[in-house]
Structure formats: C-alpha cells, structure tokens
Amino acid sequence: MELVLMLLCMLIVTSMILGCCHEAVERPIIRPHRLSLREFGYDESTLEYYKRRAMLLDVGTMRVAPQGPDAQHHSQSPTMS
C-alpha cells in the first residue's frame, strides 16, 4: 500500500514538473502558408471567414459542370449487341 502511494506521488510530481516546463518552453507557431497569404492581402479574420463559409456550404458536394448537366448522361443506355 505504501509503495502504491509513493509511486502515485512520484507520478503526480513528475507530471507537474513536466507540465510546468512545457508551458514555459511553448512558443507561437509560425505557419509559412499564412505568411504568404498575408502578402496577397488576406488576414486571419478573412481566412477564418472563408474556412467557416466552406464548412457551412459543404463546398465539396456543390461541384457543377461548366456547361450544365449532360442530356445524354441520363438517357437510356444503348443495347448491347
């Protein structure tokens, strides 16, 4: 029982030390793709707007052919000879 309590205390102290040091070392992440988009006039709020808009509109499923639907596509398939 004493061994279990001692191991538990050591685990708690170790996790507190690692957590404390980890927070002190943490630095902001620089994302090169965001930097290049800033050069073209985009800022963080604009990028977040388009990201949310794409998620709400589900852009992946809204693709359409430039000339519209193909009339032959839904016609009956030719008979096989």
N, C-alpha and C. Protein backbone atom coordinates (compact mmCIF):
# COMPACT_ATOMS: atom_id res chain seq x y z
N MET A 1 0.82 -1.20 0.00
CA MET A 1 0.00 0.00 0.00
C MET A 1 0.87 1.26 0.00
N GLU A 2 1.92 1.23 0.83
CA GLU A 2 2.82 2.39 0.89
C GLU A 2 3.55 2.58 -0.44
N LEU A 3 3.90 1.48 -1.07
CA LEU A 3 4.59 1.55 -2.36
C LEU A 3 3.69 2.18 -3.42
N VAL A 4 2.42 1.84 -3.41
CA VAL A 4 1.46 2.39 -4.37
C VAL A 4 1.31 3.89 -4.15
N LEU A 5 1.20 4.32 -2.90
CA LEU A 5 1.08 5.75 -2.60
C LEU A 5 2.34 6.50 -3.01
N MET A 6 3.51 5.90 -2.77
CA MET A 6 4.76 6.55 -3.14
C MET A 6 4.86 6.69 -4.66
N LEU A 7 4.50 5.65 -5.39
CA LEU A 7 4.53 5.72 -6.85
C LEU A 7 3.54 6.74 -7.39
N LEU A 8 2.37 6.80 -6.77
CA LEU A 8 1.37 7.77 -7.18
C LEU A 8 1.85 9.20 -6.95
N CYS A 9 2.47 9.44 -5.80
CA CYS A 9 3.01 10.77 -5.51
C CYS A 9 4.11 11.14 -6.50
N MET A 10 4.99 10.18 -6.81
CA MET A 10 6.06 10.45 -7.77
C MET A 10 5.49 10.76 -9.15
N LEU A 11 4.45 10.05 -9.53
CA LEU A 11 3.82 10.29 -10.82
C LEU A 11 3.21 11.68 -10.89
N ILE A 12 2.55 12.09 -9.81
CA ILE A 12 1.93 13.42 -9.77
C ILE A 12 2.98 14.50 -9.83
N VAL A 13 4.05 14.36 -9.04
CA VAL A 13 5.12 15.37 -9.03
C VAL A 13 5.79 15.44 -10.39
N THR A 14 6.06 14.31 -11.00
CA THR A 14 6.69 14.29 -12.32
C THR A 14 5.81 14.96 -13.37
N SER A 15 4.53 14.68 -13.34
CA SER A 15 3.63 15.30 -14.33
C SER A 15 3.53 16.80 -14.11
N MET A 16 3.57 17.25 -12.85
CA MET A 16 3.53 18.68 -12.57
C MET A 16 4.79 19.37 -13.07
N ILE A 17 5.95 18.73 -12.87
CA ILE A 17 7.21 19.31 -13.33
C ILE A 17 7.24 19.39 -14.85
N LEU A 18 6.86 18.32 -15.51
CA LEU A 18 6.85 18.31 -16.98
C LEU A 18 5.85 19.30 -17.54
N GLY A 19 4.69 19.42 -16.92
CA GLY A 19 3.68 20.38 -17.37
C GLY A 19 4.15 21.80 -17.20
N CYS A 20 4.83 22.08 -16.10
CA CYS A 20 5.33 23.43 -15.82
C CYS A 20 6.40 23.81 -16.84
N CYS A 21 7.33 22.93 -17.10
CA CYS A 21 8.42 23.22 -18.05
C CYS A 21 7.89 23.32 -19.47
N HIS A 22 6.91 22.49 -19.80
CA HIS A 22 6.35 22.50 -21.15
C HIS A 22 5.69 23.84 -21.46
N GLU A 23 4.98 24.41 -20.50
CA GLU A 23 4.31 25.69 -20.72
C GLU A 23 5.32 26.82 -20.89
N ALA A 24 6.45 26.74 -20.19
CA ALA A 24 7.45 27.80 -20.28
C ALA A 24 8.16 27.78 -21.63
N VAL A 25 8.32 26.62 -22.23
CA VAL A 25 9.05 26.48 -23.49
C VAL A 25 8.16 26.76 -24.70
N GLU A 26 6.86 26.68 -24.53
CA GLU A 26 5.92 26.82 -25.64
C GLU A 26 6.07 28.17 -26.34
N ARG A 27 6.17 28.15 -27.67
CA ARG A 27 6.29 29.37 -28.47
C ARG A 27 5.20 29.40 -29.52
N PRO A 28 4.88 30.60 -30.00
CA PRO A 28 3.88 30.65 -31.07
C PRO A 28 4.38 29.95 -32.33
N ILE A 29 3.48 29.30 -33.02
CA ILE A 29 3.83 28.56 -34.23
C ILE A 29 3.72 29.51 -35.43
N ILE A 30 4.78 29.55 -36.22
CA ILE A 30 4.76 30.37 -37.43
C ILE A 30 4.39 29.46 -38.58
N ARG A 31 3.34 29.80 -39.29
CA ARG A 31 2.88 28.99 -40.42
C ARG A 31 3.22 29.72 -41.71
N PRO A 32 4.15 29.20 -42.49
CA PRO A 32 4.58 29.89 -43.71
C PRO A 32 3.44 30.14 -44.69
N HIS A 33 2.45 29.23 -44.81
CA HIS A 33 1.37 29.45 -45.76
C HIS A 33 0.54 30.66 -45.37
N ARG A 34 0.39 30.93 -44.08
CA ARG A 34 -0.35 32.11 -43.65
C ARG A 34 0.45 33.37 -43.97
N LEU A 35 1.77 33.29 -43.84
CA LEU A 35 2.59 34.46 -44.14
C LEU A 35 2.48 34.82 -45.62
N SER A 36 2.50 33.83 -46.50
CA SER A 36 2.41 34.11 -47.92
C SER A 36 1.04 34.65 -48.30
N LEU A 37 -0.02 34.18 -47.65
CA LEU A 37 -1.35 34.72 -47.93
C LEU A 37 -1.49 36.16 -47.45
N ARG A 38 -0.79 36.52 -46.38
CA ARG A 38 -0.80 37.91 -45.92
C ARG A 38 -0.20 38.83 -46.97
N GLU A 39 0.80 38.33 -47.70
CA GLU A 39 1.42 39.14 -48.75
C GLU A 39 0.41 39.47 -49.85
N PHE A 40 -0.61 38.64 -50.04
CA PHE A 40 -1.63 38.88 -51.05
C PHE A 40 -2.82 39.65 -50.51
N GLY A 41 -2.74 40.12 -49.26
CA GLY A 41 -3.79 40.95 -48.70
C GLY A 41 -4.80 40.25 -47.83
N TYR A 42 -4.60 38.97 -47.54
CA TYR A 42 -5.52 38.24 -46.66
C TYR A 42 -5.04 38.38 -45.21
N ASP A 43 -5.96 38.51 -44.30
CA ASP A 43 -5.61 38.49 -42.89
C ASP A 43 -6.30 37.29 -42.23
N GLU A 44 -6.00 37.08 -40.95
CA GLU A 44 -6.53 35.92 -40.24
C GLU A 44 -8.06 35.89 -40.24
N SER A 45 -8.70 37.04 -40.04
CA SER A 45 -10.17 37.05 -39.97
C SER A 45 -10.79 36.68 -41.32
N THR A 46 -10.19 37.14 -42.42
CA THR A 46 -10.69 36.80 -43.75
C THR A 46 -10.56 35.30 -44.01
N LEU A 47 -9.42 34.74 -43.64
CA LEU A 47 -9.20 33.31 -43.84
C LEU A 47 -10.18 32.49 -43.01
N GLU A 48 -10.42 32.91 -41.78
CA GLU A 48 -11.38 32.20 -40.93
C GLU A 48 -12.80 32.29 -41.51
N TYR A 49 -13.14 33.46 -42.09
CA TYR A 49 -14.46 33.63 -42.71
C TYR A 49 -14.65 32.62 -43.84
N TYR A 50 -13.68 32.53 -44.74
CA TYR A 50 -13.80 31.60 -45.86
C TYR A 50 -13.79 30.15 -45.41
N LYS A 51 -13.04 29.85 -44.37
CA LYS A 51 -13.00 28.49 -43.85
C LYS A 51 -14.37 28.09 -43.28
N ARG A 52 -14.97 28.98 -42.47
CA ARG A 52 -16.30 28.70 -41.91
C ARG A 52 -17.35 28.62 -43.01
N ARG A 53 -17.24 29.51 -43.99
CA ARG A 53 -18.21 29.53 -45.09
C ARG A 53 -18.16 28.22 -45.88
N ALA A 54 -16.95 27.74 -46.15
CA ALA A 54 -16.80 26.48 -46.88
C ALA A 54 -17.37 25.32 -46.09
N MET A 55 -17.18 25.33 -44.77
CA MET A 55 -17.72 24.25 -43.95
C MET A 55 -19.24 24.30 -43.92
N LEU A 56 -19.82 25.49 -43.83
CA LEU A 56 -21.27 25.62 -43.78
C LEU A 56 -21.93 25.25 -45.10
N LEU A 57 -21.30 25.65 -46.20
CA LEU A 57 -21.88 25.38 -47.51
C LEU A 57 -21.56 23.99 -48.03
N ASP A 58 -20.64 23.30 -47.37
CA ASP A 58 -20.20 21.97 -47.80
C ASP A 58 -19.79 22.02 -49.26
N VAL A 59 -18.76 22.82 -49.53
CA VAL A 59 -18.31 23.11 -50.89
C VAL A 59 -17.99 21.86 -51.70
N GLY A 60 -17.51 20.82 -51.07
CA GLY A 60 -17.12 19.62 -51.80
C GLY A 60 -18.25 18.97 -52.58
N THR A 61 -19.50 19.14 -52.17
CA THR A 61 -20.61 18.49 -52.84
C THR A 61 -21.34 19.40 -53.83
N MET A 62 -20.90 20.64 -53.97
CA MET A 62 -21.62 21.59 -54.82
C MET A 62 -20.95 21.77 -56.19
N ARG A 63 -20.17 20.84 -56.64
CA ARG A 63 -19.48 20.99 -57.92
C ARG A 63 -20.45 20.75 -59.07
N VAL A 64 -20.35 21.59 -60.09
CA VAL A 64 -21.26 21.51 -61.23
C VAL A 64 -20.42 21.61 -62.50
N ALA A 65 -20.86 20.96 -63.57
CA ALA A 65 -20.17 21.06 -64.85
C ALA A 65 -20.36 22.46 -65.42
N PRO A 66 -19.35 23.03 -66.09
CA PRO A 66 -19.46 24.40 -66.61
C PRO A 66 -20.60 24.60 -67.60
N GLN A 67 -20.89 23.62 -68.46
CA GLN A 67 -21.96 23.78 -69.44
C GLN A 67 -23.30 23.26 -68.92
N GLY A 68 -23.36 22.83 -67.70
CA GLY A 68 -24.61 22.29 -67.16
C GLY A 68 -24.64 20.79 -67.29
N PRO A 69 -25.74 20.17 -66.91
CA PRO A 69 -25.83 18.71 -66.97
C PRO A 69 -25.85 18.21 -68.42
N ASP A 70 -25.30 17.04 -68.61
CA ASP A 70 -25.25 16.42 -69.93
C ASP A 70 -26.56 15.68 -70.17
N ALA A 71 -27.28 16.05 -71.22
CA ALA A 71 -28.58 15.43 -71.51
C ALA A 71 -28.43 13.95 -71.84
N GLN A 72 -27.35 13.56 -72.48
CA GLN A 72 -27.14 12.16 -72.87
C GLN A 72 -26.79 11.28 -71.66
N HIS A 73 -26.35 11.89 -70.61
CA HIS A 73 -25.90 11.12 -69.45
C HIS A 73 -27.03 10.31 -68.82
N HIS A 74 -28.22 10.87 -68.76
CA HIS A 74 -29.33 10.19 -68.10
C HIS A 74 -30.26 9.47 -69.07
N SER A 75 -29.91 9.46 -70.33
CA SER A 75 -30.76 8.75 -71.29
C SER A 75 -30.55 7.24 -71.13
N GLN A 76 -31.40 6.46 -71.79
CA GLN A 76 -31.28 5.01 -71.68
C GLN A 76 -29.98 4.55 -72.30
N SER A 77 -29.39 3.55 -71.67
CA SER A 77 -28.12 3.05 -72.18
C SER A 77 -28.35 2.28 -73.48
N PRO A 78 -27.39 2.31 -74.39
CA PRO A 78 -27.55 1.61 -75.68
C PRO A 78 -27.63 0.11 -75.46
N THR A 79 -28.35 -0.55 -76.37
CA THR A 79 -28.48 -2.01 -76.26
C THR A 79 -27.18 -2.66 -76.68
N MET A 80 -26.83 -3.68 -75.95
CA MET A 80 -25.58 -4.37 -76.25
C MET A 80 -25.85 -5.42 -77.31
N SER A 81 -25.03 -5.49 -78.34
CA SER A 81 -25.21 -6.46 -79.43
C SER A 81 -24.29 -7.62 -79.26
